[in-house]
Amino acid sequence: MPPLSSERGSMTRFDPNAAARAQNQRQQAAGRFSLNWGMIIGIAVVLLATIGIGLFLAGPKRVWSQWEKIGDKAHYDVIDVVSRALQAHLSQMGEYNPRKARNTPQAQDVMFFRPSFVMSMPETVDFKGSSTEGPFKGKYHPATGEVEADVDIGGTSVAGLGAVHKGSSAIKVTGRVKEGKVSAEVNGKDAVIVFPPKSDDEK
């Protein structure tokens, strides 16, 4: 049996001071490598805000500016096309005499649902309006200037107030304004204004 003293010499003794120093060193090392979550969140917020502003300028703001440039043209395109279609249709029905200036059927106002929060100009922009024959609604094609509309016939409107009563029927209108010239179709046929023979009081 080996001497008891040799066994004691090979045993590791616990040193509380050394253990405390080692723990302190580990804590300091961990502190040096700890993440600053507040800074990380702040950087993320700034990045997201920057990206959001960039996307807004590249998308909705740019589209808004594009629409501002064509807004007046779109307005008059719809007014002219719908007016031409009404005059052609009602003259063919014998309800409008283009030789007489009074009671000329025409579009009176139009309102567009302008594109918002989109990244590019949509293919069509919705609109609604009123004419001397009642309400109408449709789509405008910004790229081509094409107008599509469902137009009421036989209704009533008040200038400044819009349509008061819906019409008893409706026509399907398409058309465009090219180089100042208005052309339109009613229910797929050319919108041609018919001039009736002159009456005795017109001769």
C-alpha atoms as a PDB file:
ATOM      1  CA  MET A   1       0.000   0.000   0.000  1.00  0.00           C
ATOM      2  CA  PRO A   2       1.527   3.357  -1.099  1.00  0.00           C
ATOM      3  CA  PRO A   3       2.028   5.986   1.531  1.00  0.00           C
ATOM      4  CA  LEU A   4      -0.945   8.216   2.283  1.00  0.00           C
ATOM      5  CA  SER A   5       1.199  11.263   1.691  1.00  0.00           C
ATOM      6  CA  SER A   6       1.656  10.393  -2.040  1.00  0.00           C
ATOM      7  CA  GLU A   7      -2.127  10.184  -2.572  1.00  0.00           C
ATOM      8  CA  ARG A   8      -2.628  13.558  -0.996  1.00  0.00           C
ATOM      9  CA  GLY A   9       0.130  15.033  -3.114  1.00  0.00           C
ATOM     10  CA  SER A  10      -1.643  13.995  -6.347  1.00  0.00           C
ATOM     11  CA  MET A  11      -5.045  15.504  -5.387  1.00  0.00           C
ATOM     12  CA  THR A  12      -6.191  18.886  -6.892  1.00  0.00           C
ATOM     13  CA  ARG A  13      -7.111  21.376  -4.292  1.00  0.00           C
ATOM     14  CA  PHE A  14     -10.008  23.849  -4.828  1.00  0.00           C
ATOM     15  CA  ASP A  15      -8.813  27.432  -4.766  1.00  0.00           C
ATOM     16  CA  PRO A  16     -11.808  29.775  -4.311  1.00  0.00           C
ATOM     17  CA  ASN A  17      -9.766  32.848  -5.275  1.00  0.00           C
ATOM     18  CA  ALA A  18      -8.609  31.293  -8.550  1.00  0.00           C
ATOM     19  CA  ALA A  19     -12.162  30.182  -9.335  1.00  0.00           C
ATOM     20  CA  ALA A  20     -13.454  33.702  -8.731  1.00  0.00           C
ATOM     21  CA  ARG A  21     -10.787  35.174 -10.994  1.00  0.00           C
ATOM     22  CA  ALA A  22     -11.570  32.666 -13.756  1.00  0.00           C
ATOM     23  CA  GLN A  23     -15.296  33.426 -13.549  1.00  0.00           C
ATOM     24  CA  ASN A  24     -14.595  37.150 -13.696  1.00  0.00           C
ATOM     25  CA  GLN A  25     -12.445  36.663 -16.785  1.00  0.00           C
ATOM     26  CA  ARG A  26     -15.215  34.653 -18.504  1.00  0.00           C
ATOM     27  CA  GLN A  27     -17.780  37.348 -17.736  1.00  0.00           C
ATOM     28  CA  GLN A  28     -15.532  40.081 -19.077  1.00  0.00           C
ATOM     29  CA  ALA A  29     -14.885  38.089 -22.255  1.00  0.00           C
ATOM     30  CA  ALA A  30     -18.611  37.487 -22.741  1.00  0.00           C
ATOM     31  CA  GLY A  31     -19.292  41.215 -22.227  1.00  0.00           C
ATOM     32  CA  ARG A  32     -16.840  42.153 -24.948  1.00  0.00           C
ATOM     33  CA  PHE A  33     -18.679  39.960 -27.471  1.00  0.00           C
ATOM     34  CA  SER A  34     -22.286  40.656 -26.399  1.00  0.00           C
ATOM     35  CA  LEU A  35     -24.708  42.025 -29.039  1.00  0.00           C
ATOM     36  CA  ASN A  36     -26.088  45.542 -28.736  1.00  0.00           C
ATOM     37  CA  TRP A  37     -29.693  44.883 -29.733  1.00  0.00           C
ATOM     38  CA  GLY A  38     -30.694  48.503 -29.454  1.00  0.00           C
ATOM     39  CA  MET A  39     -28.118  49.512 -32.065  1.00  0.00           C
ATOM     40  CA  ILE A  40     -29.071  46.627 -34.349  1.00  0.00           C
ATOM     41  CA  ILE A  41     -32.778  47.554 -34.216  1.00  0.00           C
ATOM     42  CA  GLY A  42     -31.941  51.202 -34.870  1.00  0.00           C
ATOM     43  CA  ILE A  43     -29.870  50.315 -37.944  1.00  0.00           C
ATOM     44  CA  ALA A  44     -32.649  48.035 -39.225  1.00  0.00           C
ATOM     45  CA  VAL A  45     -35.242  50.800 -38.849  1.00  0.00           C
ATOM     46  CA  VAL A  46     -33.052  53.269 -40.757  1.00  0.00           C
ATOM     47  CA  LEU A  47     -32.458  50.750 -43.552  1.00  0.00           C
ATOM     48  CA  LEU A  48     -36.163  49.931 -43.855  1.00  0.00           C
ATOM     49  CA  ALA A  49     -37.066  53.637 -43.926  1.00  0.00           C
ATOM     50  CA  THR A  50     -34.461  54.309 -46.627  1.00  0.00           C
ATOM     51  CA  ILE A  51     -35.686  51.395 -48.731  1.00  0.00           C
ATOM     52  CA  GLY A  52     -39.312  52.481 -48.270  1.00  0.00           C
ATOM     53  CA  ILE A  53     -38.580  56.046 -49.373  1.00  0.00           C
ATOM     54  CA  GLY A  54     -36.659  54.766 -52.384  1.00  0.00           C
ATOM     55  CA  LEU A  55     -39.505  52.456 -53.422  1.00  0.00           C
ATOM     56  CA  PHE A  56     -42.053  55.266 -52.988  1.00  0.00           C
ATOM     57  CA  LEU A  57     -40.052  57.629 -55.190  1.00  0.00           C
ATOM     58  CA  ALA A  58     -39.474  54.920 -57.809  1.00  0.00           C
ATOM     59  CA  GLY A  59     -43.106  53.761 -57.772  1.00  0.00           C
ATOM     60  CA  PRO A  60     -46.161  55.724 -56.543  1.00  0.00           C
ATOM     61  CA  LYS A  61     -44.500  59.158 -56.739  1.00  0.00           C
ATOM     62  CA  ARG A  62     -43.265  58.535 -60.288  1.00  0.00           C
ATOM     63  CA  VAL A  63     -46.669  57.178 -61.402  1.00  0.00           C
ATOM     64  CA  TRP A  64     -48.417  60.162 -59.811  1.00  0.00           C
ATOM     65  CA  SER A  65     -46.171  62.531 -61.785  1.00  0.00           C
ATOM     66  CA  GLN A  66     -46.828  60.623 -65.007  1.00  0.00           C
ATOM     67  CA  TRP A  67     -50.579  60.883 -64.485  1.00  0.00           C
ATOM     68  CA  GLU A  68     -50.308  64.608 -63.762  1.00  0.00           C
ATOM     69  CA  LYS A  69     -48.751  65.044 -67.211  1.00  0.00           C
ATOM     70  CA  ILE A  70     -51.589  63.269 -69.049  1.00  0.00           C
ATOM     71  CA  GLY A  71     -54.482  64.131 -66.712  1.00  0.00           C
ATOM     72  CA  ASP A  72     -55.898  66.983 -68.818  1.00  0.00           C
ATOM     73  CA  LYS A  73     -55.628  64.996 -72.040  1.00  0.00           C
ATOM     74  CA  ALA A  74     -57.406  62.031 -70.453  1.00  0.00           C
ATOM     75  CA  HIS A  75     -60.184  64.334 -69.234  1.00  0.00           C
ATOM     76  CA  TYR A  76     -60.841  65.897 -72.631  1.00  0.00           C
ATOM     77  CA  ASP A  77     -60.450  62.572 -74.458  1.00  0.00           C
ATOM     78  CA  VAL A  78     -63.294  61.065 -72.427  1.00  0.00           C
ATOM     79  CA  ILE A  79     -65.481  64.180 -72.761  1.00  0.00           C
ATOM     80  CA  ASP A  80     -64.982  64.350 -76.539  1.00  0.00           C
ATOM     81  CA  VAL A  81     -65.467  60.612 -77.190  1.00  0.00           C
ATOM     82  CA  VAL A  82     -68.608  60.276 -75.052  1.00  0.00           C
ATOM     83  CA  SER A  83     -70.067  63.467 -76.541  1.00  0.00           C
ATOM     84  CA  ARG A  84     -69.445  62.256 -80.098  1.00  0.00           C
ATOM     85  CA  ALA A  85     -71.022  58.889 -79.319  1.00  0.00           C
ATOM     86  CA  LEU A  86     -74.121  60.483 -77.775  1.00  0.00           C
ATOM     87  CA  GLN A  87     -74.614  62.862 -80.671  1.00  0.00           C
ATOM     88  CA  ALA A  88     -74.196  60.095 -83.246  1.00  0.00           C
ATOM     89  CA  HIS A  89     -76.491  57.639 -81.470  1.00  0.00           C
ATOM     90  CA  LEU A  90     -79.279  60.125 -80.757  1.00  0.00           C
ATOM     91  CA  SER A  91     -79.115  61.640 -84.245  1.00  0.00           C
ATOM     92  CA  GLN A  92     -79.538  58.165 -85.729  1.00  0.00           C
ATOM     93  CA  MET A  93     -82.497  57.588 -83.404  1.00  0.00           C
ATOM     94  CA  GLY A  94     -84.061  60.862 -84.556  1.00  0.00           C
ATOM     95  CA  GLU A  95     -83.832  62.335 -81.068  1.00  0.00           C
ATOM     96  CA  TYR A  96     -81.192  64.926 -81.891  1.00  0.00           C
ATOM     97  CA  ASN A  97     -80.940  67.316 -84.804  1.00  0.00           C
ATOM     98  CA  PRO A  98     -77.308  68.413 -85.236  1.00  0.00           C
ATOM     99  CA  ARG A  99     -78.498  71.393 -87.259  1.00  0.00           C
ATOM    100  CA  LYS A 100     -79.916  72.896 -84.077  1.00  0.00           C
ATOM    101  CA  ALA A 101     -77.470  74.171 -81.505  1.00  0.00           C
ATOM    102  CA  ARG A 102     -79.770  73.875 -78.503  1.00  0.00           C
ATOM    103  CA  ASN A 103     -80.103  70.711 -76.417  1.00  0.00           C
ATOM    104  CA  THR A 104     -76.909  69.226 -77.799  1.00  0.00           C
ATOM    105  CA  PRO A 105     -76.218  65.902 -76.051  1.00  0.00           C
ATOM    106  CA  GLN A 106     -72.791  65.925 -74.477  1.00  0.00           C
ATOM    107  CA  ALA A 107     -70.642  64.749 -71.603  1.00  0.00           C
ATOM    108  CA  GLN A 108     -70.569  67.308 -68.804  1.00  0.00           C
ATOM    109  CA  ASP A 109     -68.002  66.090 -66.306  1.00  0.00           C
ATOM    110  CA  VAL A 110     -65.698  63.178 -65.606  1.00  0.00           C
ATOM    111  CA  MET A 111     -63.787  62.016 -62.539  1.00  0.00           C
ATOM    112  CA  PHE A 112     -60.850  59.611 -62.632  1.00  0.00           C
ATOM    113  CA  PHE A 113     -59.875  57.138 -59.941  1.00  0.00           C
ATOM    114  CA  ARG A 114     -56.249  58.126 -60.307  1.00  0.00           C
ATOM    115  CA  PRO A 115     -53.622  55.414 -59.719  1.00  0.00           C
ATOM    116  CA  SER A 116     -52.174  55.351 -56.188  1.00  0.00           C
ATOM    117  CA  PHE A 117     -49.723  53.068 -54.389  1.00  0.00           C
ATOM    118  CA  VAL A 118     -48.709  51.277 -57.576  1.00  0.00           C
ATOM    119  CA  MET A 119     -45.203  50.716 -58.883  1.00  0.00           C
ATOM    120  CA  SER A 120     -46.015  51.421 -62.534  1.00  0.00           C
ATOM    121  CA  MET A 121     -48.756  53.051 -64.570  1.00  0.00           C
ATOM    122  CA  PRO A 122     -51.667  50.588 -64.845  1.00  0.00           C
ATOM    123  CA  GLU A 123     -52.984  49.511 -68.219  1.00  0.00           C
ATOM    124  CA  THR A 124     -56.344  51.180 -67.525  1.00  0.00           C
ATOM    125  CA  VAL A 125     -57.630  53.874 -65.167  1.00  0.00           C
ATOM    126  CA  ASP A 126     -61.288  53.821 -64.108  1.00  0.00           C
ATOM    127  CA  PHE A 127     -63.510  56.881 -64.443  1.00  0.00           C
ATOM    128  CA  LYS A 128     -67.119  57.911 -64.006  1.00  0.00           C
ATOM    129  CA  GLY A 129     -69.039  60.963 -65.130  1.00  0.00           C
ATOM    130  CA  SER A 130     -72.333  62.407 -66.239  1.00  0.00           C
ATOM    131  CA  SER A 131     -73.813  63.632 -69.483  1.00  0.00           C
ATOM    132  CA  THR A 132     -77.040  65.262 -70.553  1.00  0.00           C
ATOM    133  CA  GLU A 133     -78.389  61.694 -70.793  1.00  0.00           C
ATOM    134  CA  GLY A 134     -77.382  60.516 -67.320  1.00  0.00           C
ATOM    135  CA  PRO A 135     -74.359  58.746 -65.814  1.00  0.00           C
ATOM    136  CA  PHE A 136     -71.533  56.936 -67.552  1.00  0.00           C
ATOM    137  CA  LYS A 137     -68.485  54.965 -66.423  1.00  0.00           C
ATOM    138  CA  GLY A 138     -65.545  53.270 -68.039  1.00  0.00           C
ATOM    139  CA  LYS A 139     -61.814  52.834 -68.449  1.00  0.00           C
ATOM    140  CA  TYR A 140     -59.101  55.020 -69.953  1.00  0.00           C
ATOM    141  CA  HIS A 141     -55.914  53.524 -71.431  1.00  0.00           C
ATOM    142  CA  PRO A 142     -53.026  55.899 -70.567  1.00  0.00           C
ATOM    143  CA  ALA A 143     -50.601  54.292 -73.028  1.00  0.00           C
ATOM    144  CA  THR A 144     -52.881  54.544 -76.083  1.00  0.00           C
ATOM    145  CA  GLY A 145     -55.507  57.140 -75.156  1.00  0.00           C
ATOM    146  CA  GLU A 146     -58.259  54.615 -75.856  1.00  0.00           C
ATOM    147  CA  VAL A 147     -61.608  55.240 -74.136  1.00  0.00           C
ATOM    148  CA  GLU A 148     -64.112  52.544 -73.156  1.00  0.00           C
ATOM    149  CA  ALA A 149     -67.413  53.552 -71.563  1.00  0.00           C
ATOM    150  CA  ASP A 150     -70.895  52.365 -70.701  1.00  0.00           C
ATOM    151  CA  VAL A 151     -73.121  55.396 -71.305  1.00  0.00           C
ATOM    152  CA  ASP A 152     -76.703  55.733 -70.111  1.00  0.00           C
ATOM    153  CA  ILE A 153     -79.399  57.031 -72.466  1.00  0.00           C
ATOM    154  CA  GLY A 154     -82.608  58.700 -71.329  1.00  0.00           C
ATOM    155  CA  GLY A 155     -81.472  59.781 -67.871  1.00  0.00           C
ATOM    156  CA  THR A 156     -80.990  63.256 -66.450  1.00  0.00           C
ATOM    157  CA  SER A 157     -78.123  65.246 -64.990  1.00  0.00           C
ATOM    158  CA  VAL A 158     -77.659  68.625 -63.387  1.00  0.00           C
ATOM    159  CA  ALA A 159     -74.544  70.622 -64.212  1.00  0.00           C
ATOM    160  CA  GLY A 160     -72.268  70.668 -61.199  1.00  0.00           C
ATOM    161  CA  LEU A 161     -74.248  67.947 -59.404  1.00  0.00           C
ATOM    162  CA  GLY A 162     -73.752  65.076 -61.825  1.00  0.00           C
ATOM    163  CA  ALA A 163     -76.240  62.398 -62.783  1.00  0.00           C
ATOM    164  CA  VAL A 164     -79.637  62.635 -61.089  1.00  0.00           C
ATOM    165  CA  HIS A 165     -81.453  59.720 -62.747  1.00  0.00           C
ATOM    166  CA  LYS A 166     -80.129  56.665 -64.552  1.00  0.00           C
ATOM    167  CA  GLY A 167     -81.114  56.150 -68.142  1.00  0.00           C
ATOM    168  CA  SER A 168     -83.655  53.678 -69.473  1.00  0.00           C
ATOM    169  CA  SER A 169     -81.006  52.098 -71.712  1.00  0.00           C
ATOM    170  CA  ALA A 170     -77.241  52.175 -72.267  1.00  0.00           C
ATOM    171  CA  ILE A 171     -74.753  52.076 -75.113  1.00  0.00           C
ATOM    172  CA  LYS A 172     -71.253  50.643 -75.276  1.00  0.00           C
ATOM    173  CA  VAL A 173     -68.791  53.297 -76.429  1.00  0.00           C
ATOM    174  CA  THR A 174     -65.183  53.087 -77.561  1.00  0.00           C
ATOM    175  CA  GLY A 175     -63.091  55.840 -79.070  1.00  0.00           C
ATOM    176  CA  ARG A 176     -59.976  57.950 -79.135  1.00  0.00           C
ATOM    177  CA  VAL A 177     -58.631  61.397 -80.027  1.00  0.00           C
ATOM    178  CA  LYS A 178     -55.712  61.368 -82.475  1.00  0.00           C
ATOM    179  CA  GLU A 179     -54.094  64.580 -83.667  1.00  0.00           C
ATOM    180  CA  GLY A 180     -57.142  66.524 -82.575  1.00  0.00           C
ATOM    181  CA  LYS A 181     -59.593  64.298 -84.465  1.00  0.00           C
ATOM    182  CA  VAL A 182     -62.298  62.465 -82.512  1.00  0.00           C
ATOM    183  CA  SER A 183     -63.450  59.026 -83.590  1.00  0.00           C
ATOM    184  CA  ALA A 184     -65.821  56.718 -81.762  1.00  0.00           C
ATOM    185  CA  GLU A 185     -67.861  53.552 -82.029  1.00  0.00           C
ATOM    186  CA  VAL A 186     -71.281  52.822 -80.515  1.00  0.00           C
ATOM    187  CA  ASN A 187     -72.030  49.161 -79.886  1.00  0.00           C
ATOM    188  CA  GLY A 188     -69.217  48.257 -82.282  1.00  0.00           C
ATOM    189  CA  LYS A 189     -70.361  50.505 -85.152  1.00  0.00           C
ATOM    190  CA  ASP A 190     -68.869  53.811 -86.301  1.00  0.00           C
ATOM    191  CA  ALA A 191     -70.431  56.749 -84.492  1.00  0.00           C
ATOM    192  CA  VAL A 192     -71.673  58.752 -87.474  1.00  0.00           C
ATOM    193  CA  ILE A 193     -73.742  61.874 -86.870  1.00  0.00           C
ATOM    194  CA  VAL A 194     -76.796  61.885 -89.127  1.00  0.00           C
ATOM    195  CA  PHE A 195     -78.032  65.211 -90.497  1.00  0.00           C
ATOM    196  CA  PRO A 196     -81.744  65.064 -91.317  1.00  0.00           C
ATOM    197  CA  PRO A 197     -83.175  66.985 -94.274  1.00  0.00           C
ATOM    198  CA  LYS A 198     -83.702  70.656 -93.592  1.00  0.00           C
ATOM    199  CA  SER A 199     -87.151  71.572 -92.466  1.00  0.00           C
ATOM    200  CA  ASP A 200     -89.085  74.438 -94.063  1.00  0.00           C
ATOM    201  CA  ASP A 201     -88.117  76.858 -91.305  1.00  0.00           C
ATOM    202  CA  GLU A 202     -84.429  75.969 -91.799  1.00  0.00           C
ATOM    203  CA  LYS A 203     -84.350  76.577 -95.553  1.00  0.00           C
END
